[in-house]
Amino acid sequence: MNHEQFPDPESLDSFAERLYPERHQSSAARALACLIASISWFAFVAQTDITIGRLLARGGGVLDGLDRLTMYLTNLTILMSALCFTSLALSLKTPLSRFFRQPAVITAVVTYLAFVGIAYNLLLRQLWTPTGFRALVNESLHTVVPLLAIVYWIFFVPVFQASWRKALLWLAYPLGYLFVTLWRGALSGFYPYPFIDVNALGYLRVAVNASLLLVGFLGLMGLFIAVNRSGKPVLLRKQD
């Protein structure tokens, strides 16, 4: 297998079992995946209820609340986390489950979660201070799930053949989100994050901010690829 090849979906389970024979599908892996999935579903459902409730209080409708919910990268990413880690916890045989159990896909999801957590804690945390139940939901979204997902990735996701050309496909999600959000913002006048608020900053400044975030994401993606290639084999040798 050269560096550009990747096992087809039908062979992914046996491929992973050969690389992580004791850890793949272990009880510890399933338990942690179940915990992450449970927290992810809790956070997503709770945030959905909060967002719809807020829009209803302002005279909007349920569809308005769902529209607002899907404008935030955090909410979309936590839903992706819920689907991914539910697939890992249950090992269902559906096409969606098999897709989310691919090592490269898990790595992409964990990278998205890490990016959301880092961006929030560096750029947005100081903008508001939730209390009570909202604080619990907020920390679940931006801190607890990203950290647990990284732990899962380090110890339970098999080493896989990665290349930058294939990894660049991971950019489809954040870039797609950015373009769709700017388009929706142009129609509605609402932008979910201050650093992409065209009304306040203009398109040039938003383009600069988006480029800086893209560079940050590329750096994070490169870190995961580097650890997959070099760090994990060292960790496995130490644990054997």
C-alpha atoms as a PDB file:
ATOM      1  CA  MET A   1       0.000   0.000   0.000  1.00  0.00           C
ATOM      2  CA  ASN A   2       1.585   3.310  -1.031  1.00  0.00           C
ATOM      3  CA  HIS A   3       0.978   6.601   0.713  1.00  0.00           C
ATOM      4  CA  GLU A   4      -1.817   7.592  -1.670  1.00  0.00           C
ATOM      5  CA  GLN A   5      -3.874   4.430  -1.157  1.00  0.00           C
ATOM      6  CA  PHE A   6      -6.622   4.025   1.396  1.00  0.00           C
ATOM      7  CA  PRO A   7      -8.616   0.901   2.235  1.00  0.00           C
ATOM      8  CA  ASP A   8     -12.102   0.757   0.773  1.00  0.00           C
ATOM      9  CA  PRO A   9     -15.044   1.002   3.208  1.00  0.00           C
ATOM     10  CA  GLU A  10     -15.659  -2.762   3.098  1.00  0.00           C
ATOM     11  CA  SER A  11     -12.231  -3.506   4.584  1.00  0.00           C
ATOM     12  CA  LEU A  12     -12.032  -0.706   7.143  1.00  0.00           C
ATOM     13  CA  ASP A  13     -13.065  -2.795  10.140  1.00  0.00           C
ATOM     14  CA  SER A  14     -10.494  -5.547   9.534  1.00  0.00           C
ATOM     15  CA  PHE A  15      -7.883  -2.913   8.638  1.00  0.00           C
ATOM     16  CA  ALA A  16      -8.430  -1.200  11.991  1.00  0.00           C
ATOM     17  CA  GLU A  17      -8.433  -4.466  13.914  1.00  0.00           C
ATOM     18  CA  ARG A  18      -5.032  -5.421  12.501  1.00  0.00           C
ATOM     19  CA  LEU A  19      -3.513  -2.095  13.557  1.00  0.00           C
ATOM     20  CA  TYR A  20      -5.167  -1.769  16.978  1.00  0.00           C
ATOM     21  CA  PRO A  21      -5.995  -5.411  17.755  1.00  0.00           C
ATOM     22  CA  GLU A  22      -6.606  -4.936  21.500  1.00  0.00           C
ATOM     23  CA  ARG A  23      -8.098  -1.473  21.458  1.00  0.00           C
ATOM     24  CA  HIS A  24     -10.407  -1.306  18.429  1.00  0.00           C
ATOM     25  CA  GLN A  25     -13.965  -2.162  19.511  1.00  0.00           C
ATOM     26  CA  SER A  26     -12.757  -2.660  23.101  1.00  0.00           C
ATOM     27  CA  SER A  27     -15.141  -2.135  25.991  1.00  0.00           C
ATOM     28  CA  ALA A  28     -13.239   1.005  26.990  1.00  0.00           C
ATOM     29  CA  ALA A  29     -13.522   2.407  23.450  1.00  0.00           C
ATOM     30  CA  ARG A  30     -17.248   1.694  23.315  1.00  0.00           C
ATOM     31  CA  ALA A  31     -17.812   3.175  26.772  1.00  0.00           C
ATOM     32  CA  LEU A  32     -16.003   6.402  25.894  1.00  0.00           C
ATOM     33  CA  ALA A  33     -17.761   6.630  22.518  1.00  0.00           C
ATOM     34  CA  CYS A  34     -21.092   6.142  24.295  1.00  0.00           C
ATOM     35  CA  LEU A  35     -20.243   8.901  26.781  1.00  0.00           C
ATOM     36  CA  ILE A  36     -19.263  11.330  24.017  1.00  0.00           C
ATOM     37  CA  ALA A  37     -22.365  10.470  21.988  1.00  0.00           C
ATOM     38  CA  SER A  38     -24.617  10.958  25.031  1.00  0.00           C
ATOM     39  CA  ILE A  39     -23.126  14.357  25.892  1.00  0.00           C
ATOM     40  CA  SER A  40     -23.260  15.411  22.245  1.00  0.00           C
ATOM     41  CA  TRP A  41     -26.949  14.483  21.908  1.00  0.00           C
ATOM     42  CA  PHE A  42     -27.730  16.167  25.228  1.00  0.00           C
ATOM     43  CA  ALA A  43     -25.968  19.371  24.172  1.00  0.00           C
ATOM     44  CA  PHE A  44     -27.553  19.418  20.728  1.00  0.00           C
ATOM     45  CA  VAL A  45     -31.088  18.775  21.975  1.00  0.00           C
ATOM     46  CA  ALA A  46     -30.690  21.292  24.805  1.00  0.00           C
ATOM     47  CA  GLN A  47     -29.303  23.946  22.483  1.00  0.00           C
ATOM     48  CA  THR A  48     -32.134  23.290  20.041  1.00  0.00           C
ATOM     49  CA  ASP A  49     -34.676  23.834  22.815  1.00  0.00           C
ATOM     50  CA  ILE A  50     -32.909  26.999  23.996  1.00  0.00           C
ATOM     51  CA  THR A  51     -32.671  28.471  20.502  1.00  0.00           C
ATOM     52  CA  ILE A  52     -36.260  27.700  19.520  1.00  0.00           C
ATOM     53  CA  GLY A  53     -37.489  29.013  22.874  1.00  0.00           C
ATOM     54  CA  ARG A  54     -35.570  32.257  22.384  1.00  0.00           C
ATOM     55  CA  LEU A  55     -37.005  32.782  18.893  1.00  0.00           C
ATOM     56  CA  LEU A  56     -40.541  31.982  20.078  1.00  0.00           C
ATOM     57  CA  ALA A  57     -40.171  34.564  22.838  1.00  0.00           C
ATOM     58  CA  ARG A  58     -39.262  37.130  20.192  1.00  0.00           C
ATOM     59  CA  GLY A  59     -42.359  36.391  18.130  1.00  0.00           C
ATOM     60  CA  GLY A  60     -40.793  33.950  15.690  1.00  0.00           C
ATOM     61  CA  GLY A  61     -41.744  30.379  14.950  1.00  0.00           C
ATOM     62  CA  VAL A  62     -40.219  26.931  15.299  1.00  0.00           C
ATOM     63  CA  LEU A  63     -38.828  27.080  11.767  1.00  0.00           C
ATOM     64  CA  ASP A  64     -37.195  30.408  12.600  1.00  0.00           C
ATOM     65  CA  GLY A  65     -35.568  28.733  15.586  1.00  0.00           C
ATOM     66  CA  LEU A  66     -34.288  25.833  13.479  1.00  0.00           C
ATOM     67  CA  ASP A  67     -32.983  28.281  10.897  1.00  0.00           C
ATOM     68  CA  ARG A  68     -31.074  30.174  13.573  1.00  0.00           C
ATOM     69  CA  LEU A  69     -29.795  26.940  15.129  1.00  0.00           C
ATOM     70  CA  THR A  70     -28.224  25.795  11.854  1.00  0.00           C
ATOM     71  CA  MET A  71     -26.380  29.075  11.364  1.00  0.00           C
ATOM     72  CA  TYR A  72     -23.897  28.213  14.124  1.00  0.00           C
ATOM     73  CA  LEU A  73     -20.911  26.025  13.303  1.00  0.00           C
ATOM     74  CA  THR A  74     -20.894  24.715  16.880  1.00  0.00           C
ATOM     75  CA  ASN A  75     -24.402  23.268  16.577  1.00  0.00           C
ATOM     76  CA  LEU A  76     -23.736  21.586  13.250  1.00  0.00           C
ATOM     77  CA  THR A  77     -20.452  20.147  14.516  1.00  0.00           C
ATOM     78  CA  ILE A  78     -21.964  18.782  17.738  1.00  0.00           C
ATOM     79  CA  LEU A  79     -24.648  17.040  15.648  1.00  0.00           C
ATOM     80  CA  MET A  80     -21.876  15.528  13.533  1.00  0.00           C
ATOM     81  CA  SER A  81     -20.165  14.405  16.745  1.00  0.00           C
ATOM     82  CA  ALA A  82     -23.374  12.792  17.984  1.00  0.00           C
ATOM     83  CA  LEU A  83     -23.784  10.830  14.749  1.00  0.00           C
ATOM     84  CA  CYS A  84     -20.127   9.803  14.606  1.00  0.00           C
ATOM     85  CA  PHE A  85     -19.762   8.609  18.185  1.00  0.00           C
ATOM     86  CA  THR A  86     -23.161   6.913  18.181  1.00  0.00           C
ATOM     87  CA  SER A  87     -21.906   4.940  15.176  1.00  0.00           C
ATOM     88  CA  LEU A  88     -18.740   4.041  17.090  1.00  0.00           C
ATOM     89  CA  ALA A  89     -20.621   3.065  20.244  1.00  0.00           C
ATOM     90  CA  LEU A  90     -23.194   0.861  18.494  1.00  0.00           C
ATOM     91  CA  SER A  91     -21.219  -0.411  15.460  1.00  0.00           C
ATOM     92  CA  LEU A  92     -24.329  -0.439  13.314  1.00  0.00           C
ATOM     93  CA  LYS A  93     -24.102  -1.912   9.820  1.00  0.00           C
ATOM     94  CA  THR A  94     -25.819   0.982   8.074  1.00  0.00           C
ATOM     95  CA  PRO A  95     -23.933   2.924   5.365  1.00  0.00           C
ATOM     96  CA  LEU A  96     -23.954   6.065   7.569  1.00  0.00           C
ATOM     97  CA  SER A  97     -22.484   4.161  10.505  1.00  0.00           C
ATOM     98  CA  ARG A  98     -19.788   2.556   8.373  1.00  0.00           C
ATOM     99  CA  PHE A  99     -18.918   5.975   6.962  1.00  0.00           C
ATOM    100  CA  PHE A 100     -18.479   7.527  10.408  1.00  0.00           C
ATOM    101  CA  ARG A 101     -16.377   4.580  11.630  1.00  0.00           C
ATOM    102  CA  GLN A 102     -13.646   5.210   9.060  1.00  0.00           C
ATOM    103  CA  PRO A 103     -10.455   6.376  10.837  1.00  0.00           C
ATOM    104  CA  ALA A 104     -10.025   9.301   8.437  1.00  0.00           C
ATOM    105  CA  VAL A 105     -13.618  10.439   8.996  1.00  0.00           C
ATOM    106  CA  ILE A 106     -13.320  10.166  12.781  1.00  0.00           C
ATOM    107  CA  THR A 107     -10.134  12.222  12.583  1.00  0.00           C
ATOM    108  CA  ALA A 108     -11.874  14.895  10.525  1.00  0.00           C
ATOM    109  CA  VAL A 109     -14.762  15.073  13.009  1.00  0.00           C
ATOM    110  CA  VAL A 110     -12.377  15.336  15.966  1.00  0.00           C
ATOM    111  CA  THR A 111     -10.447  18.078  14.135  1.00  0.00           C
ATOM    112  CA  TYR A 112     -13.688  20.030  13.625  1.00  0.00           C
ATOM    113  CA  LEU A 113     -14.546  19.632  17.302  1.00  0.00           C
ATOM    114  CA  ALA A 114     -11.081  20.749  18.372  1.00  0.00           C
ATOM    115  CA  PHE A 115     -11.288  23.766  16.060  1.00  0.00           C
ATOM    116  CA  VAL A 116     -14.686  24.774  17.444  1.00  0.00           C
ATOM    117  CA  GLY A 117     -13.426  24.432  21.011  1.00  0.00           C
ATOM    118  CA  ILE A 118     -10.236  26.408  20.414  1.00  0.00           C
ATOM    119  CA  ALA A 119     -11.980  29.154  18.419  1.00  0.00           C
ATOM    120  CA  TYR A 120     -14.655  29.589  21.073  1.00  0.00           C
ATOM    121  CA  ASN A 121     -12.280  29.665  24.023  1.00  0.00           C
ATOM    122  CA  LEU A 122      -9.856  32.056  22.321  1.00  0.00           C
ATOM    123  CA  LEU A 123     -12.242  34.378  20.471  1.00  0.00           C
ATOM    124  CA  LEU A 124     -15.739  34.189  21.919  1.00  0.00           C
ATOM    125  CA  ARG A 125     -15.683  33.155  25.569  1.00  0.00           C
ATOM    126  CA  GLN A 126     -15.286  36.710  26.810  1.00  0.00           C
ATOM    127  CA  LEU A 127     -18.371  37.907  24.912  1.00  0.00           C
ATOM    128  CA  TRP A 128     -20.892  36.351  27.284  1.00  0.00           C
ATOM    129  CA  THR A 129     -21.079  34.524  30.600  1.00  0.00           C
ATOM    130  CA  PRO A 130     -23.934  32.009  30.729  1.00  0.00           C
ATOM    131  CA  THR A 131     -25.112  30.684  34.073  1.00  0.00           C
ATOM    132  CA  GLY A 132     -26.964  27.648  35.333  1.00  0.00           C
ATOM    133  CA  PHE A 133     -28.252  25.206  32.755  1.00  0.00           C
ATOM    134  CA  ARG A 134     -27.023  27.317  29.846  1.00  0.00           C
ATOM    135  CA  ALA A 135     -23.502  27.253  31.276  1.00  0.00           C
ATOM    136  CA  LEU A 136     -23.679  23.450  31.430  1.00  0.00           C
ATOM    137  CA  VAL A 137     -24.804  23.260  27.801  1.00  0.00           C
ATOM    138  CA  ASN A 138     -22.195  25.793  26.730  1.00  0.00           C
ATOM    139  CA  GLU A 139     -19.315  23.912  28.362  1.00  0.00           C
ATOM    140  CA  SER A 140     -20.577  20.624  26.950  1.00  0.00           C
ATOM    141  CA  LEU A 141     -20.557  22.103  23.453  1.00  0.00           C
ATOM    142  CA  HIS A 142     -17.242  23.914  23.527  1.00  0.00           C
ATOM    143  CA  THR A 143     -15.045  22.148  26.073  1.00  0.00           C
ATOM    144  CA  VAL A 144     -16.186  18.738  27.318  1.00  0.00           C
ATOM    145  CA  VAL A 145     -16.998  17.067  23.993  1.00  0.00           C
ATOM    146  CA  PRO A 146     -13.896  18.385  22.147  1.00  0.00           C
ATOM    147  CA  LEU A 147     -11.569  17.231  24.955  1.00  0.00           C
ATOM    148  CA  LEU A 148     -13.168  13.785  25.255  1.00  0.00           C
ATOM    149  CA  ALA A 149     -13.112  13.379  21.473  1.00  0.00           C
ATOM    150  CA  ILE A 150      -9.377  14.120  21.401  1.00  0.00           C
ATOM    151  CA  VAL A 151      -8.786  11.537  24.135  1.00  0.00           C
ATOM    152  CA  TYR A 152     -10.781   8.974  22.145  1.00  0.00           C
ATOM    153  CA  TRP A 153      -8.818   9.773  18.995  1.00  0.00           C
ATOM    154  CA  ILE A 154      -5.436   9.407  20.689  1.00  0.00           C
ATOM    155  CA  PHE A 155      -6.117   6.039  22.284  1.00  0.00           C
ATOM    156  CA  PHE A 156      -8.727   4.300  20.128  1.00  0.00           C
ATOM    157  CA  VAL A 157      -8.615   5.514  16.513  1.00  0.00           C
ATOM    158  CA  PRO A 158      -6.350   3.317  14.369  1.00  0.00           C
ATOM    159  CA  VAL A 159      -3.371   4.755  12.558  1.00  0.00           C
ATOM    160  CA  PHE A 160      -4.365   5.249   8.920  1.00  0.00           C
ATOM    161  CA  GLN A 161      -2.702   6.159   5.650  1.00  0.00           C
ATOM    162  CA  ALA A 162      -3.088   9.928   5.333  1.00  0.00           C
ATOM    163  CA  SER A 163      -2.016  12.346   2.630  1.00  0.00           C
ATOM    164  CA  TRP A 164      -2.444  16.090   2.335  1.00  0.00           C
ATOM    165  CA  ARG A 165      -4.356  15.676  -0.915  1.00  0.00           C
ATOM    166  CA  LYS A 166      -6.979  13.510   0.751  1.00  0.00           C
ATOM    167  CA  ALA A 167      -6.952  15.549   3.968  1.00  0.00           C
ATOM    168  CA  LEU A 168      -7.753  18.720   2.024  1.00  0.00           C
ATOM    169  CA  LEU A 169     -11.217  17.216   1.511  1.00  0.00           C
ATOM    170  CA  TRP A 170     -11.755  18.026   5.193  1.00  0.00           C
ATOM    171  CA  LEU A 171     -11.920  21.682   4.156  1.00  0.00           C
ATOM    172  CA  ALA A 172     -15.227  21.089   2.366  1.00  0.00           C
ATOM    173  CA  TYR A 173     -17.138  21.355   5.642  1.00  0.00           C
ATOM    174  CA  PRO A 174     -15.734  24.635   7.052  1.00  0.00           C
ATOM    175  CA  LEU A 175     -15.547  26.310   3.641  1.00  0.00           C
ATOM    176  CA  GLY A 176     -19.045  25.160   2.746  1.00  0.00           C
ATOM    177  CA  TYR A 177     -20.291  26.469   6.080  1.00  0.00           C
ATOM    178  CA  LEU A 178     -18.611  29.849   5.504  1.00  0.00           C
ATOM    179  CA  PHE A 179     -20.021  30.377   2.023  1.00  0.00           C
ATOM    180  CA  VAL A 180     -23.541  29.281   2.960  1.00  0.00           C
ATOM    181  CA  THR A 181     -23.504  31.421   6.128  1.00  0.00           C
ATOM    182  CA  LEU A 182     -22.374  34.527   4.233  1.00  0.00           C
ATOM    183  CA  TRP A 183     -25.085  33.891   1.647  1.00  0.00           C
ATOM    184  CA  ARG A 184     -27.737  33.439   4.331  1.00  0.00           C
ATOM    185  CA  GLY A 185     -26.454  36.501   6.149  1.00  0.00           C
ATOM    186  CA  ALA A 186     -26.730  38.594   2.996  1.00  0.00           C
ATOM    187  CA  LEU A 187     -30.385  37.568   2.753  1.00  0.00           C
ATOM    188  CA  SER A 188     -31.335  37.912   6.422  1.00  0.00           C
ATOM    189  CA  GLY A 189     -28.839  40.441   7.751  1.00  0.00           C
ATOM    190  CA  PHE A 190     -27.885  38.071  10.589  1.00  0.00           C
ATOM    191  CA  TYR A 191     -24.350  36.758  11.035  1.00  0.00           C
ATOM    192  CA  PRO A 192     -23.759  34.300  13.883  1.00  0.00           C
ATOM    193  CA  TYR A 193     -20.195  35.327  14.775  1.00  0.00           C
ATOM    194  CA  PRO A 194     -18.724  38.838  15.133  1.00  0.00           C
ATOM    195  CA  PHE A 195     -15.609  38.037  13.075  1.00  0.00           C
ATOM    196  CA  ILE A 196     -17.744  37.253   9.988  1.00  0.00           C
ATOM    197  CA  ASP A 197     -20.299  40.030  10.508  1.00  0.00           C
ATOM    198  CA  VAL A 198     -20.314  41.732   7.120  1.00  0.00           C
ATOM    199  CA  ASN A 199     -22.661  44.456   8.374  1.00  0.00           C
ATOM    200  CA  ALA A 200     -20.118  45.593  10.963  1.00  0.00           C
ATOM    201  CA  LEU A 201     -16.822  44.753   9.241  1.00  0.00           C
ATOM    202  CA  GLY A 202     -17.382  44.693   5.488  1.00  0.00           C
ATOM    203  CA  TYR A 203     -16.465  41.910   3.112  1.00  0.00           C
ATOM    204  CA  LEU A 204     -12.737  42.723   2.972  1.00  0.00           C
ATOM    205  CA  ARG A 205     -12.208  42.428   6.730  1.00  0.00           C
ATOM    206  CA  VAL A 206     -14.391  39.314   6.872  1.00  0.00           C
ATOM    207  CA  ALA A 207     -12.282  37.767   4.087  1.00  0.00           C
ATOM    208  CA  VAL A 208      -9.111  38.497   6.092  1.00  0.00           C
ATOM    209  CA  ASN A 209     -10.617  37.021   9.274  1.00  0.00           C
ATOM    210  CA  ALA A 210     -11.825  33.947   7.398  1.00  0.00           C
ATOM    211  CA  SER A 211      -8.370  33.479   5.865  1.00  0.00           C
ATOM    212  CA  LEU A 212      -6.726  33.615   9.301  1.00  0.00           C
ATOM    213  CA  LEU A 213      -9.192  31.055  10.631  1.00  0.00           C
ATOM    214  CA  LEU A 214      -8.500  28.862   7.607  1.00  0.00           C
ATOM    215  CA  VAL A 215      -4.769  29.035   8.303  1.00  0.00           C
ATOM    216  CA  GLY A 216      -5.462  28.045  11.907  1.00  0.00           C
ATOM    217  CA  PHE A 217      -7.574  25.112  10.791  1.00  0.00           C
ATOM    218  CA  LEU A 218      -4.888  23.971   8.365  1.00  0.00           C
ATOM    219  CA  GLY A 219      -2.345  24.075  11.185  1.00  0.00           C
ATOM    220  CA  LEU A 220      -4.617  22.011  13.411  1.00  0.00           C
ATOM    221  CA  MET A 221      -5.257  19.560  10.598  1.00  0.00           C
ATOM    222  CA  GLY A 222      -1.521  19.244  10.022  1.00  0.00           C
ATOM    223  CA  LEU A 223      -0.996  18.517  13.710  1.00  0.00           C
ATOM    224  CA  PHE A 224      -3.492  15.640  13.657  1.00  0.00           C
ATOM    225  CA  ILE A 225      -1.895  14.214  10.518  1.00  0.00           C
ATOM    226  CA  ALA A 226       1.575  14.464  12.046  1.00  0.00           C
ATOM    227  CA  VAL A 227       0.487  12.734  15.260  1.00  0.00           C
ATOM    228  CA  ASN A 228      -1.232  10.031  13.218  1.00  0.00           C
ATOM    229  CA  ARG A 229       1.941   9.398  11.226  1.00  0.00           C
ATOM    230  CA  SER A 230       4.569   9.643  13.961  1.00  0.00           C
ATOM    231  CA  GLY A 231       3.122  10.133  17.430  1.00  0.00           C
ATOM    232  CA  LYS A 232       0.678   7.240  17.547  1.00  0.00           C
ATOM    233  CA  PRO A 233       3.162   4.538  16.550  1.00  0.00           C
ATOM    234  CA  VAL A 234       5.435   5.716  19.377  1.00  0.00           C
ATOM    235  CA  LEU A 235       2.497   5.667  21.825  1.00  0.00           C
ATOM    236  CA  LEU A 236       1.567   2.148  20.752  1.00  0.00           C
ATOM    237  CA  ARG A 237       5.119   0.868  21.240  1.00  0.00           C
ATOM    238  CA  LYS A 238       5.210   2.332  24.746  1.00  0.00           C
ATOM    239  CA  GLN A 239       1.894   0.712  25.660  1.00  0.00           C
ATOM    240  CA  ASP A 240       2.769  -2.736  24.257  1.00  0.00           C
END
